[in-house]
């Protein structure tokens, strides 16, 4: 995941989910790992490392960031696209991969 983008307040990539069987359950098609990584960072389970820019933030956890940067990170826009069960998944894969 590109934490630099999130730390700068840029949007996370689109999260794409699909309802396969008309139930309430949705399955991730794209973006699951990026979303879970961001959540784990906020929970304090990850430490920033290998940042090429914003290098001063290397070795920081979320709680060690300045409150303004934490707030900016939490306010990142996440677009969730829900694919209809009748929709052809191949069309979506062509568009997003």
PDB file of N, CA and C in Angstrom:
ATOM      1  N   UNK A   1       0.835  -1.178   0.000  1.00  0.00           N
ATOM      2  CA  UNK A   1       0.000   0.000   0.000  1.00  0.00           C
ATOM      3  C   UNK A   1       0.875   1.234   0.000  1.00  0.00           C
ATOM      4  N   UNK A   2       0.432   2.245  -0.644  1.00  0.00           N
ATOM      5  CA  UNK A   2       1.162   3.494  -0.686  1.00  0.00           C
ATOM      6  C   UNK A   2       0.707   4.381   0.471  1.00  0.00           C
ATOM      7  N   UNK A   3       1.371   4.208   1.617  1.00  0.00           N
ATOM      8  CA  UNK A   3       1.009   4.990   2.800  1.00  0.00           C
ATOM      9  C   UNK A   3       1.242   6.471   2.584  1.00  0.00           C
ATOM     10  N   UNK A   4       2.207   6.807   1.756  1.00  0.00           N
ATOM     11  CA  UNK A   4       2.477   8.222   1.502  1.00  0.00           C
ATOM     12  C   UNK A   4       1.208   8.912   1.023  1.00  0.00           C
ATOM     13  N   UNK A   5       0.501   8.288   0.107  1.00  0.00           N
ATOM     14  CA  UNK A   5      -0.737   8.873  -0.405  1.00  0.00           C
ATOM     15  C   UNK A   5      -1.753   9.074   0.708  1.00  0.00           C
ATOM     16  N   UNK A   6      -1.904   8.059   1.550  1.00  0.00           N
ATOM     17  CA  UNK A   6      -2.865   8.173   2.645  1.00  0.00           C
ATOM     18  C   UNK A   6      -2.442   9.230   3.653  1.00  0.00           C
ATOM     19  N   UNK A   7      -1.150   9.284   3.943  1.00  0.00           N
ATOM     20  CA  UNK A   7      -0.654  10.278   4.895  1.00  0.00           C
ATOM     21  C   UNK A   7      -0.829  11.697   4.369  1.00  0.00           C
ATOM     22  N   UNK A   8      -0.874  11.829   3.059  1.00  0.00           N
ATOM     23  CA  UNK A   8      -1.096  13.138   2.448  1.00  0.00           C
ATOM     24  C   UNK A   8      -2.583  13.445   2.267  1.00  0.00           C
ATOM     25  N   UNK A   9      -3.438  12.486   2.656  1.00  0.00           N
ATOM     26  CA  UNK A   9      -4.877  12.693   2.555  1.00  0.00           C
ATOM     27  C   UNK A   9      -5.464  12.380   1.200  1.00  0.00           C
ATOM     28  N   UNK A  10      -4.699  11.701   0.356  1.00  0.00           N
ATOM     29  CA  UNK A  10      -5.204  11.326  -0.969  1.00  0.00           C
ATOM     30  C   UNK A  10      -6.101  10.098  -0.840  1.00  0.00           C
ATOM     31  N   UNK A  11      -7.047   9.916  -1.744  1.00  0.00           N
ATOM     32  CA  UNK A  11      -7.996   8.811  -1.608  1.00  0.00           C
ATOM     33  C   UNK A  11      -7.358   7.438  -1.776  1.00  0.00           C
ATOM     34  N   UNK A  12      -7.936   6.487  -1.069  1.00  0.00           N
ATOM     35  CA  UNK A  12      -7.573   5.082  -1.208  1.00  0.00           C
ATOM     36  C   UNK A  12      -8.144   4.614  -2.543  1.00  0.00           C
ATOM     37  N   UNK A  13      -7.536   3.601  -3.129  1.00  0.00           N
ATOM     38  CA  UNK A  13      -8.091   3.089  -4.384  1.00  0.00           C
ATOM     39  C   UNK A  13      -9.510   2.572  -4.148  1.00  0.00           C
ATOM     40  N   UNK A  14     -10.266   2.435  -5.204  1.00  0.00           N
ATOM     41  CA  UNK A  14     -11.636   1.947  -5.073  1.00  0.00           C
ATOM     42  C   UNK A  14     -11.659   0.557  -4.457  1.00  0.00           C
ATOM     43  N   UNK A  15     -12.615   0.356  -3.570  1.00  0.00           N
ATOM     44  CA  UNK A  15     -12.875  -0.964  -3.008  1.00  0.00           C
ATOM     45  C   UNK A  15     -14.030  -1.533  -3.832  1.00  0.00           C
ATOM     46  N   UNK A  16     -13.848  -2.719  -4.370  1.00  0.00           N
ATOM     47  CA  UNK A  16     -14.888  -3.323  -5.203  1.00  0.00           C
ATOM     48  C   UNK A  16     -15.355  -4.609  -4.536  1.00  0.00           C
ATOM     49  N   UNK A  17     -16.659  -4.698  -4.330  1.00  0.00           N
ATOM     50  CA  UNK A  17     -17.253  -5.886  -3.726  1.00  0.00           C
ATOM     51  C   UNK A  17     -18.384  -6.364  -4.628  1.00  0.00           C
ATOM     52  N   UNK A  18     -18.728  -7.634  -4.483  1.00  0.00           N
ATOM     53  CA  UNK A  18     -19.816  -8.181  -5.296  1.00  0.00           C
ATOM     54  C   UNK A  18     -20.713  -9.036  -4.428  1.00  0.00           C
ATOM     55  N   UNK A  19     -21.982  -8.905  -4.681  1.00  0.00           N
ATOM     56  CA  UNK A  19     -22.979  -9.748  -4.059  1.00  0.00           C
ATOM     57  C   UNK A  19     -23.217 -10.897  -5.035  1.00  0.00           C
ATOM     58  N   UNK A  20     -22.763 -12.096  -4.677  1.00  0.00           N
ATOM     59  CA  UNK A  20     -22.827 -13.228  -5.608  1.00  0.00           C
ATOM     60  C   UNK A  20     -24.141 -13.995  -5.563  1.00  0.00           C
ATOM     61  N   UNK A  21     -24.846 -13.920  -4.450  1.00  0.00           N
ATOM     62  CA  UNK A  21     -26.008 -14.798  -4.317  1.00  0.00           C
ATOM     63  C   UNK A  21     -27.249 -14.095  -3.763  1.00  0.00           C
ATOM     64  N   UNK A  22     -27.341 -12.804  -3.975  1.00  0.00           N
ATOM     65  CA  UNK A  22     -28.485 -12.017  -3.492  1.00  0.00           C
ATOM     66  C   UNK A  22     -28.667 -12.071  -1.984  1.00  0.00           C
ATOM     67  N   UNK A  23     -27.624 -12.407  -1.255  1.00  0.00           N
ATOM     68  CA  UNK A  23     -27.696 -12.385   0.203  1.00  0.00           C
ATOM     69  C   UNK A  23     -27.158 -11.040   0.685  1.00  0.00           C
ATOM     70  N   UNK A  24     -27.055 -10.886   1.973  1.00  0.00           N
ATOM     71  CA  UNK A  24     -26.504  -9.655   2.548  1.00  0.00           C
ATOM     72  C   UNK A  24     -24.980  -9.651   2.501  1.00  0.00           C
ATOM     73  N   UNK A  25     -24.375 -10.804   2.241  1.00  0.00           N
ATOM     74  CA  UNK A  25     -22.917 -10.916   2.270  1.00  0.00           C
ATOM     75  C   UNK A  25     -22.297 -10.411   0.976  1.00  0.00           C
ATOM     76  N   UNK A  26     -21.245  -9.625   1.135  1.00  0.00           N
ATOM     77  CA  UNK A  26     -20.495  -9.122  -0.010  1.00  0.00           C
ATOM     78  C   UNK A  26     -19.097  -9.716   0.019  1.00  0.00           C
ATOM     79  N   UNK A  27     -18.545 -10.017  -1.142  1.00  0.00           N
ATOM     80  CA  UNK A  27     -17.184 -10.549  -1.234  1.00  0.00           C
ATOM     81  C   UNK A  27     -16.300  -9.522  -1.920  1.00  0.00           C
ATOM     82  N   UNK A  28     -15.089  -9.374  -1.389  1.00  0.00           N
ATOM     83  CA  UNK A  28     -14.140  -8.437  -1.976  1.00  0.00           C
ATOM     84  C   UNK A  28     -13.672  -8.931  -3.336  1.00  0.00           C
ATOM     85  N   UNK A  29     -13.642  -8.029  -4.301  1.00  0.00           N
ATOM     86  CA  UNK A  29     -13.065  -8.297  -5.612  1.00  0.00           C
ATOM     87  C   UNK A  29     -11.711  -7.598  -5.698  1.00  0.00           C
ATOM     88  N   UNK A  30     -11.642  -6.388  -5.151  1.00  0.00           N
ATOM     89  CA  UNK A  30     -10.405  -5.608  -5.194  1.00  0.00           C
ATOM     90  C   UNK A  30     -10.357  -4.665  -3.990  1.00  0.00           C
ATOM     91  N   UNK A  31      -9.178  -4.498  -3.416  1.00  0.00           N
ATOM     92  CA  UNK A  31      -8.963  -3.508  -2.376  1.00  0.00           C
ATOM     93  C   UNK A  31      -8.967  -4.015  -0.950  1.00  0.00           C
ATOM     94  N   UNK A  32      -9.226  -5.300  -0.759  1.00  0.00           N
ATOM     95  CA  UNK A  32      -9.314  -5.836   0.605  1.00  0.00           C
ATOM     96  C   UNK A  32      -8.014  -5.634   1.376  1.00  0.00           C
ATOM     97  N   UNK A  33      -6.897  -6.009   0.792  1.00  0.00           N
ATOM     98  CA  UNK A  33      -5.617  -5.916   1.489  1.00  0.00           C
ATOM     99  C   UNK A  33      -5.289  -4.467   1.841  1.00  0.00           C
ATOM    100  N   UNK A  34      -5.537  -3.551   0.931  1.00  0.00           N
ATOM    101  CA  UNK A  34      -5.248  -2.138   1.192  1.00  0.00           C
ATOM    102  C   UNK A  34      -6.121  -1.596   2.323  1.00  0.00           C
ATOM    103  N   UNK A  35      -7.390  -1.955   2.318  1.00  0.00           N
ATOM    104  CA  UNK A  35      -8.292  -1.508   3.366  1.00  0.00           C
ATOM    105  C   UNK A  35      -7.877  -2.086   4.717  1.00  0.00           C
ATOM    106  N   UNK A  36      -7.595  -3.379   4.771  1.00  0.00           N
ATOM    107  CA  UNK A  36      -7.198  -4.014   6.031  1.00  0.00           C
ATOM    108  C   UNK A  36      -5.856  -3.491   6.530  1.00  0.00           C
ATOM    109  N   UNK A  37      -4.951  -3.167   5.615  1.00  0.00           N
ATOM    110  CA  UNK A  37      -3.667  -2.595   6.018  1.00  0.00           C
ATOM    111  C   UNK A  37      -3.881  -1.244   6.684  1.00  0.00           C
ATOM    112  N   UNK A  38      -4.733  -0.419   6.106  1.00  0.00           N
ATOM    113  CA  UNK A  38      -5.027   0.892   6.696  1.00  0.00           C
ATOM    114  C   UNK A  38      -5.670   0.728   8.071  1.00  0.00           C
ATOM    115  N   UNK A  39      -6.590  -0.211   8.202  1.00  0.00           N
ATOM    116  CA  UNK A  39      -7.247  -0.459   9.489  1.00  0.00           C
ATOM    117  C   UNK A  39      -6.232  -0.932  10.521  1.00  0.00           C
ATOM    118  N   UNK A  40      -5.354  -1.851  10.133  1.00  0.00           N
ATOM    119  CA  UNK A  40      -4.337  -2.347  11.067  1.00  0.00           C
ATOM    120  C   UNK A  40      -3.364  -1.252  11.481  1.00  0.00           C
ATOM    121  N   UNK A  41      -3.067  -0.336  10.581  1.00  0.00           N
ATOM    122  CA  UNK A  41      -2.196   0.784  10.924  1.00  0.00           C
ATOM    123  C   UNK A  41      -2.869   1.661  11.977  1.00  0.00           C
ATOM    124  N   UNK A  42      -4.145   1.970  11.784  1.00  0.00           N
ATOM    125  CA  UNK A  42      -4.881   2.790  12.753  1.00  0.00           C
ATOM    126  C   UNK A  42      -4.951   2.090  14.109  1.00  0.00           C
ATOM    127  N   UNK A  43      -5.102   0.774  14.102  1.00  0.00           N
ATOM    128  CA  UNK A  43      -5.174   0.015  15.358  1.00  0.00           C
ATOM    129  C   UNK A  43      -3.824  -0.089  16.060  1.00  0.00           C
ATOM    130  N   UNK A  44      -2.760   0.353  15.403  1.00  0.00           N
ATOM    131  CA  UNK A  44      -1.436   0.309  16.017  1.00  0.00           C
ATOM    132  C   UNK A  44      -0.669  -0.971  15.759  1.00  0.00           C
ATOM    133  N   UNK A  45      -1.132  -1.783  14.829  1.00  0.00           N
ATOM    134  CA  UNK A  45      -0.481  -3.060  14.535  1.00  0.00           C
ATOM    135  C   UNK A  45       0.643  -2.957  13.513  1.00  0.00           C
ATOM    136  N   UNK A  46       0.834  -1.786  12.917  1.00  0.00           N
ATOM    137  CA  UNK A  46       1.867  -1.611  11.896  1.00  0.00           C
ATOM    138  C   UNK A  46       2.719  -0.389  12.203  1.00  0.00           C
ATOM    139  N   UNK A  47       3.960  -0.443  11.755  1.00  0.00           N
ATOM    140  CA  UNK A  47       4.910   0.659  11.911  1.00  0.00           C
ATOM    141  C   UNK A  47       5.322   1.111  10.516  1.00  0.00           C
ATOM    142  N   UNK A  48       5.334   2.419  10.302  1.00  0.00           N
ATOM    143  CA  UNK A  48       5.749   2.947   8.999  1.00  0.00           C
ATOM    144  C   UNK A  48       7.217   2.637   8.748  1.00  0.00           C
ATOM    145  N   UNK A  49       7.529   2.240   7.526  1.00  0.00           N
ATOM    146  CA  UNK A  49       8.921   1.964   7.156  1.00  0.00           C
ATOM    147  C   UNK A  49       9.070   2.101   5.648  1.00  0.00           C
ATOM    148  N   UNK A  50      10.290   2.282   5.223  1.00  0.00           N
ATOM    149  CA  UNK A  50      10.633   2.367   3.798  1.00  0.00           C
ATOM    150  C   UNK A  50       9.931   3.500   3.055  1.00  0.00           C
ATOM    151  N   UNK A  51       9.551   4.555   3.766  1.00  0.00           N
ATOM    152  CA  UNK A  51       8.973   5.715   3.081  1.00  0.00           C
ATOM    153  C   UNK A  51      10.098   6.476   2.399  1.00  0.00           C
ATOM    154  N   UNK A  52       9.976   6.665   1.106  1.00  0.00           N
ATOM    155  CA  UNK A  52      11.014   7.375   0.342  1.00  0.00           C
ATOM    156  C   UNK A  52      10.866   8.885   0.495  1.00  0.00           C
ATOM    157  N   UNK A  53       9.627   9.340   0.572  1.00  0.00           N
ATOM    158  CA  UNK A  53       9.357  10.729   0.928  1.00  0.00           C
ATOM    159  C   UNK A  53       8.675  10.668   2.289  1.00  0.00           C
ATOM    160  N   UNK A  54       8.567  11.746   2.957  1.00  0.00           N
ATOM    161  CA  UNK A  54       8.060  11.757   4.335  1.00  0.00           C
ATOM    162  C   UNK A  54       8.908  10.845   5.218  1.00  0.00           C
ATOM    163  N   UNK A  55      10.203  10.810   4.950  1.00  0.00           N
ATOM    164  CA  UNK A  55      11.107   9.890   5.654  1.00  0.00           C
ATOM    165  C   UNK A  55      11.123  10.112   7.160  1.00  0.00           C
ATOM    166  N   UNK A  56      10.789  11.303   7.610  1.00  0.00           N
ATOM    167  CA  UNK A  56      10.761  11.566   9.050  1.00  0.00           C
ATOM    168  C   UNK A  56       9.706  10.728   9.769  1.00  0.00           C
ATOM    169  N   UNK A  57       8.764  10.192   9.014  1.00  0.00           N
ATOM    170  CA  UNK A  57       7.704   9.387   9.624  1.00  0.00           C
ATOM    171  C   UNK A  57       8.059   7.908   9.717  1.00  0.00           C
ATOM    172  N   UNK A  58       9.182   7.494   9.132  1.00  0.00           N
ATOM    173  CA  UNK A  58       9.605   6.099   9.257  1.00  0.00           C
ATOM    174  C   UNK A  58       9.756   5.758  10.733  1.00  0.00           C
ATOM    175  N   UNK A  59       9.317   4.581  11.112  1.00  0.00           N
ATOM    176  CA  UNK A  59       9.366   4.041  12.477  1.00  0.00           C
ATOM    177  C   UNK A  59       8.232   4.569  13.366  1.00  0.00           C
ATOM    178  N   UNK A  60       7.302   5.325  12.798  1.00  0.00           N
ATOM    179  CA  UNK A  60       6.157   5.810  13.569  1.00  0.00           C
ATOM    180  C   UNK A  60       5.001   4.817  13.496  1.00  0.00           C
ATOM    181  N   UNK A  61       4.263   4.708  14.591  1.00  0.00           N
ATOM    182  CA  UNK A  61       2.970   4.032  14.573  1.00  0.00           C
ATOM    183  C   UNK A  61       1.907   5.110  14.391  1.00  0.00           C
ATOM    184  N   UNK A  62       0.686   4.701  14.187  1.00  0.00           N
ATOM    185  CA  UNK A  62      -0.388   5.676  14.004  1.00  0.00           C
ATOM    186  C   UNK A  62      -0.506   6.599  15.213  1.00  0.00           C
ATOM    187  N   UNK A  63      -0.452   6.029  16.409  1.00  0.00           N
ATOM    188  CA  UNK A  63      -0.614   6.826  17.631  1.00  0.00           C
ATOM    189  C   UNK A  63       0.518   7.816  17.852  1.00  0.00           C
ATOM    190  N   UNK A  64       1.646   7.615  17.213  1.00  0.00           N
ATOM    191  CA  UNK A  64       2.779   8.529  17.360  1.00  0.00           C
ATOM    192  C   UNK A  64       2.720   9.702  16.382  1.00  0.00           C
ATOM    193  N   UNK A  65       1.817   9.640  15.432  1.00  0.00           N
ATOM    194  CA  UNK A  65       1.660  10.747  14.488  1.00  0.00           C
ATOM    195  C   UNK A  65       1.000  11.928  15.190  1.00  0.00           C
ATOM    196  N   UNK A  66       1.256  13.119  14.675  1.00  0.00           N
ATOM    197  CA  UNK A  66       0.587  14.305  15.201  1.00  0.00           C
ATOM    198  C   UNK A  66      -0.925  14.158  15.019  1.00  0.00           C
ATOM    199  N   UNK A  67      -1.713  14.680  15.959  1.00  0.00           N
ATOM    200  CA  UNK A  67      -3.172  14.559  15.855  1.00  0.00           C
ATOM    201  C   UNK A  67      -3.742  15.040  14.517  1.00  0.00           C
ATOM    202  N   UNK A  68      -3.188  16.104  13.964  1.00  0.00           N
ATOM    203  CA  UNK A  68      -3.688  16.604  12.672  1.00  0.00           C
ATOM    204  C   UNK A  68      -3.466  15.580  11.566  1.00  0.00           C
ATOM    205  N   UNK A  69      -2.327  14.889  11.586  1.00  0.00           N
ATOM    206  CA  UNK A  69      -2.047  13.879  10.559  1.00  0.00           C
ATOM    207  C   UNK A  69      -2.928  12.649  10.776  1.00  0.00           C
ATOM    208  N   UNK A  70      -3.170  12.286  12.032  1.00  0.00           N
ATOM    209  CA  UNK A  70      -4.083  11.178  12.328  1.00  0.00           C
ATOM    210  C   UNK A  70      -5.481  11.490  11.786  1.00  0.00           C
ATOM    211  N   UNK A  71      -5.927  12.695  12.033  1.00  0.00           N
ATOM    212  CA  UNK A  71      -7.253  13.115  11.581  1.00  0.00           C
ATOM    213  C   UNK A  71      -7.340  13.077  10.056  1.00  0.00           C
ATOM    214  N   UNK A  72      -6.311  13.558   9.396  1.00  0.00           N
ATOM    215  CA  UNK A  72      -6.269  13.546   7.932  1.00  0.00           C
ATOM    216  C   UNK A  72      -6.313  12.116   7.402  1.00  0.00           C
ATOM    217  N   UNK A  73      -5.564  11.227   8.041  1.00  0.00           N
ATOM    218  CA  UNK A  73      -5.521   9.820   7.634  1.00  0.00           C
ATOM    219  C   UNK A  73      -6.905   9.188   7.777  1.00  0.00           C
ATOM    220  N   UNK A  74      -7.574   9.464   8.881  1.00  0.00           N
ATOM    221  CA  UNK A  74      -8.896   8.878   9.133  1.00  0.00           C
ATOM    222  C   UNK A  74      -9.974   9.435   8.207  1.00  0.00           C
ATOM    223  N   UNK A  75      -9.734  10.590   7.643  1.00  0.00           N
ATOM    224  CA  UNK A  75     -10.728  11.214   6.767  1.00  0.00           C
ATOM    225  C   UNK A  75     -10.510  10.907   5.293  1.00  0.00           C
ATOM    226  N   UNK A  76      -9.645   9.987   4.992  1.00  0.00           N
ATOM    227  CA  UNK A  76      -9.382   9.634   3.595  1.00  0.00           C
ATOM    228  C   UNK A  76     -10.658   9.079   2.966  1.00  0.00           C
ATOM    229  N   UNK A  77     -10.919   9.525   1.768  1.00  0.00           N
ATOM    230  CA  UNK A  77     -12.097   9.108   1.013  1.00  0.00           C
ATOM    231  C   UNK A  77     -11.907   7.678   0.507  1.00  0.00           C
ATOM    232  N   UNK A  78     -12.892   6.835   0.772  1.00  0.00           N
ATOM    233  CA  UNK A  78     -12.875   5.460   0.278  1.00  0.00           C
ATOM    234  C   UNK A  78     -14.137   5.251  -0.551  1.00  0.00           C
ATOM    235  N   UNK A  79     -13.951   4.966  -1.828  1.00  0.00           N
ATOM    236  CA  UNK A  79     -15.089   4.713  -2.716  1.00  0.00           C
ATOM    237  C   UNK A  79     -15.319   3.207  -2.775  1.00  0.00           C
ATOM    238  N   UNK A  80     -16.529   2.786  -2.432  1.00  0.00           N
ATOM    239  CA  UNK A  80     -16.882   1.372  -2.477  1.00  0.00           C
ATOM    240  C   UNK A  80     -17.864   1.168  -3.624  1.00  0.00           C
ATOM    241  N   UNK A  81     -17.501   0.264  -4.512  1.00  0.00           N
ATOM    242  CA  UNK A  81     -18.355  -0.071  -5.652  1.00  0.00           C
ATOM    243  C   UNK A  81     -18.936  -1.454  -5.397  1.00  0.00           C
ATOM    244  N   UNK A  82     -20.255  -1.549  -5.417  1.00  0.00           N
ATOM    245  CA  UNK A  82     -20.924  -2.835  -5.217  1.00  0.00           C
ATOM    246  C   UNK A  82     -21.418  -3.313  -6.573  1.00  0.00           C
ATOM    247  N   UNK A  83     -20.924  -4.471  -6.977  1.00  0.00           N
ATOM    248  CA  UNK A  83     -21.307  -5.049  -8.269  1.00  0.00           C
ATOM    249  C   UNK A  83     -22.556  -5.902  -8.072  1.00  0.00           C
ATOM    250  N   UNK A  84     -23.523  -5.684  -8.894  1.00  0.00           N
ATOM    251  CA  UNK A  84     -24.773  -6.429  -8.850  1.00  0.00           C
ATOM    252  C   UNK A  84     -24.510  -7.906  -9.135  1.00  0.00           C
ATOM    253  N   UNK A  85     -25.265  -8.810  -8.491  1.00  0.00           N
ATOM    254  CA  UNK A  85     -25.064 -10.247  -8.735  1.00  0.00           C
ATOM    255  C   UNK A  85     -25.211 -10.647 -10.200  1.00  0.00           C
ATOM    256  N   UNK A  86     -26.015  -9.912 -10.949  1.00  0.00           N
ATOM    257  CA  UNK A  86     -26.252 -10.251 -12.356  1.00  0.00           C
ATOM    258  C   UNK A  86     -25.185  -9.678 -13.277  1.00  0.00           C
ATOM    259  N   UNK A  87     -24.328  -8.851 -12.734  1.00  0.00           N
ATOM    260  CA  UNK A  87     -23.316  -8.170 -13.533  1.00  0.00           C
ATOM    261  C   UNK A  87     -22.199  -9.133 -13.942  1.00  0.00           C
ATOM    262  N   UNK A  88     -21.652  -8.922 -15.122  1.00  0.00           N
ATOM    263  CA  UNK A  88     -20.558  -9.748 -15.624  1.00  0.00           C
ATOM    264  C   UNK A  88     -19.248  -9.297 -14.980  1.00  0.00           C
ATOM    265  N   UNK A  89     -18.675 -10.154 -14.161  1.00  0.00           N
ATOM    266  CA  UNK A  89     -17.449  -9.823 -13.435  1.00  0.00           C
ATOM    267  C   UNK A  89     -16.285  -9.571 -14.384  1.00  0.00           C
ATOM    268  N   UNK A  90     -16.275 -10.193 -15.543  1.00  0.00           N
ATOM    269  CA  UNK A  90     -15.194 -10.008 -16.510  1.00  0.00           C
ATOM    270  C   UNK A  90     -15.083  -8.543 -16.945  1.00  0.00           C
ATOM    271  N   UNK A  91     -16.204  -7.882 -17.106  1.00  0.00           N
ATOM    272  CA  UNK A  91     -16.188  -6.461 -17.479  1.00  0.00           C
ATOM    273  C   UNK A  91     -15.496  -5.651 -16.396  1.00  0.00           C
ATOM    274  N   UNK A  92     -15.785  -5.938 -15.155  1.00  0.00           N
ATOM    275  CA  UNK A  92     -15.177  -5.202 -14.048  1.00  0.00           C
ATOM    276  C   UNK A  92     -13.693  -5.494 -13.944  1.00  0.00           C
ATOM    277  N   UNK A  93     -13.324  -6.746 -14.138  1.00  0.00           N
ATOM    278  CA  UNK A  93     -11.899  -7.101 -14.068  1.00  0.00           C
ATOM    279  C   UNK A  93     -11.117  -6.396 -15.173  1.00  0.00           C
ATOM    280  N   UNK A  94     -11.705  -6.285 -16.351  1.00  0.00           N
ATOM    281  CA  UNK A  94     -11.047  -5.600 -17.460  1.00  0.00           C
ATOM    282  C   UNK A  94     -10.846  -4.125 -17.134  1.00  0.00           C
ATOM    283  N   UNK A  95     -11.804  -3.536 -16.489  1.00  0.00           N
ATOM    284  CA  UNK A  95     -11.737  -2.105 -16.181  1.00  0.00           C
ATOM    285  C   UNK A  95     -10.758  -1.802 -15.052  1.00  0.00           C
ATOM    286  N   UNK A  96     -10.668  -2.658 -14.057  1.00  0.00           N
ATOM    287  CA  UNK A  96      -9.898  -2.343 -12.856  1.00  0.00           C
ATOM    288  C   UNK A  96      -8.572  -3.084 -12.735  1.00  0.00           C
ATOM    289  N   UNK A  97      -8.264  -3.952 -13.670  1.00  0.00           N
ATOM    290  CA  UNK A  97      -6.997  -4.691 -13.521  1.00  0.00           C
ATOM    291  C   UNK A  97      -6.101  -4.414 -14.684  1.00  0.00           C
TER     292      UNK A  97
END
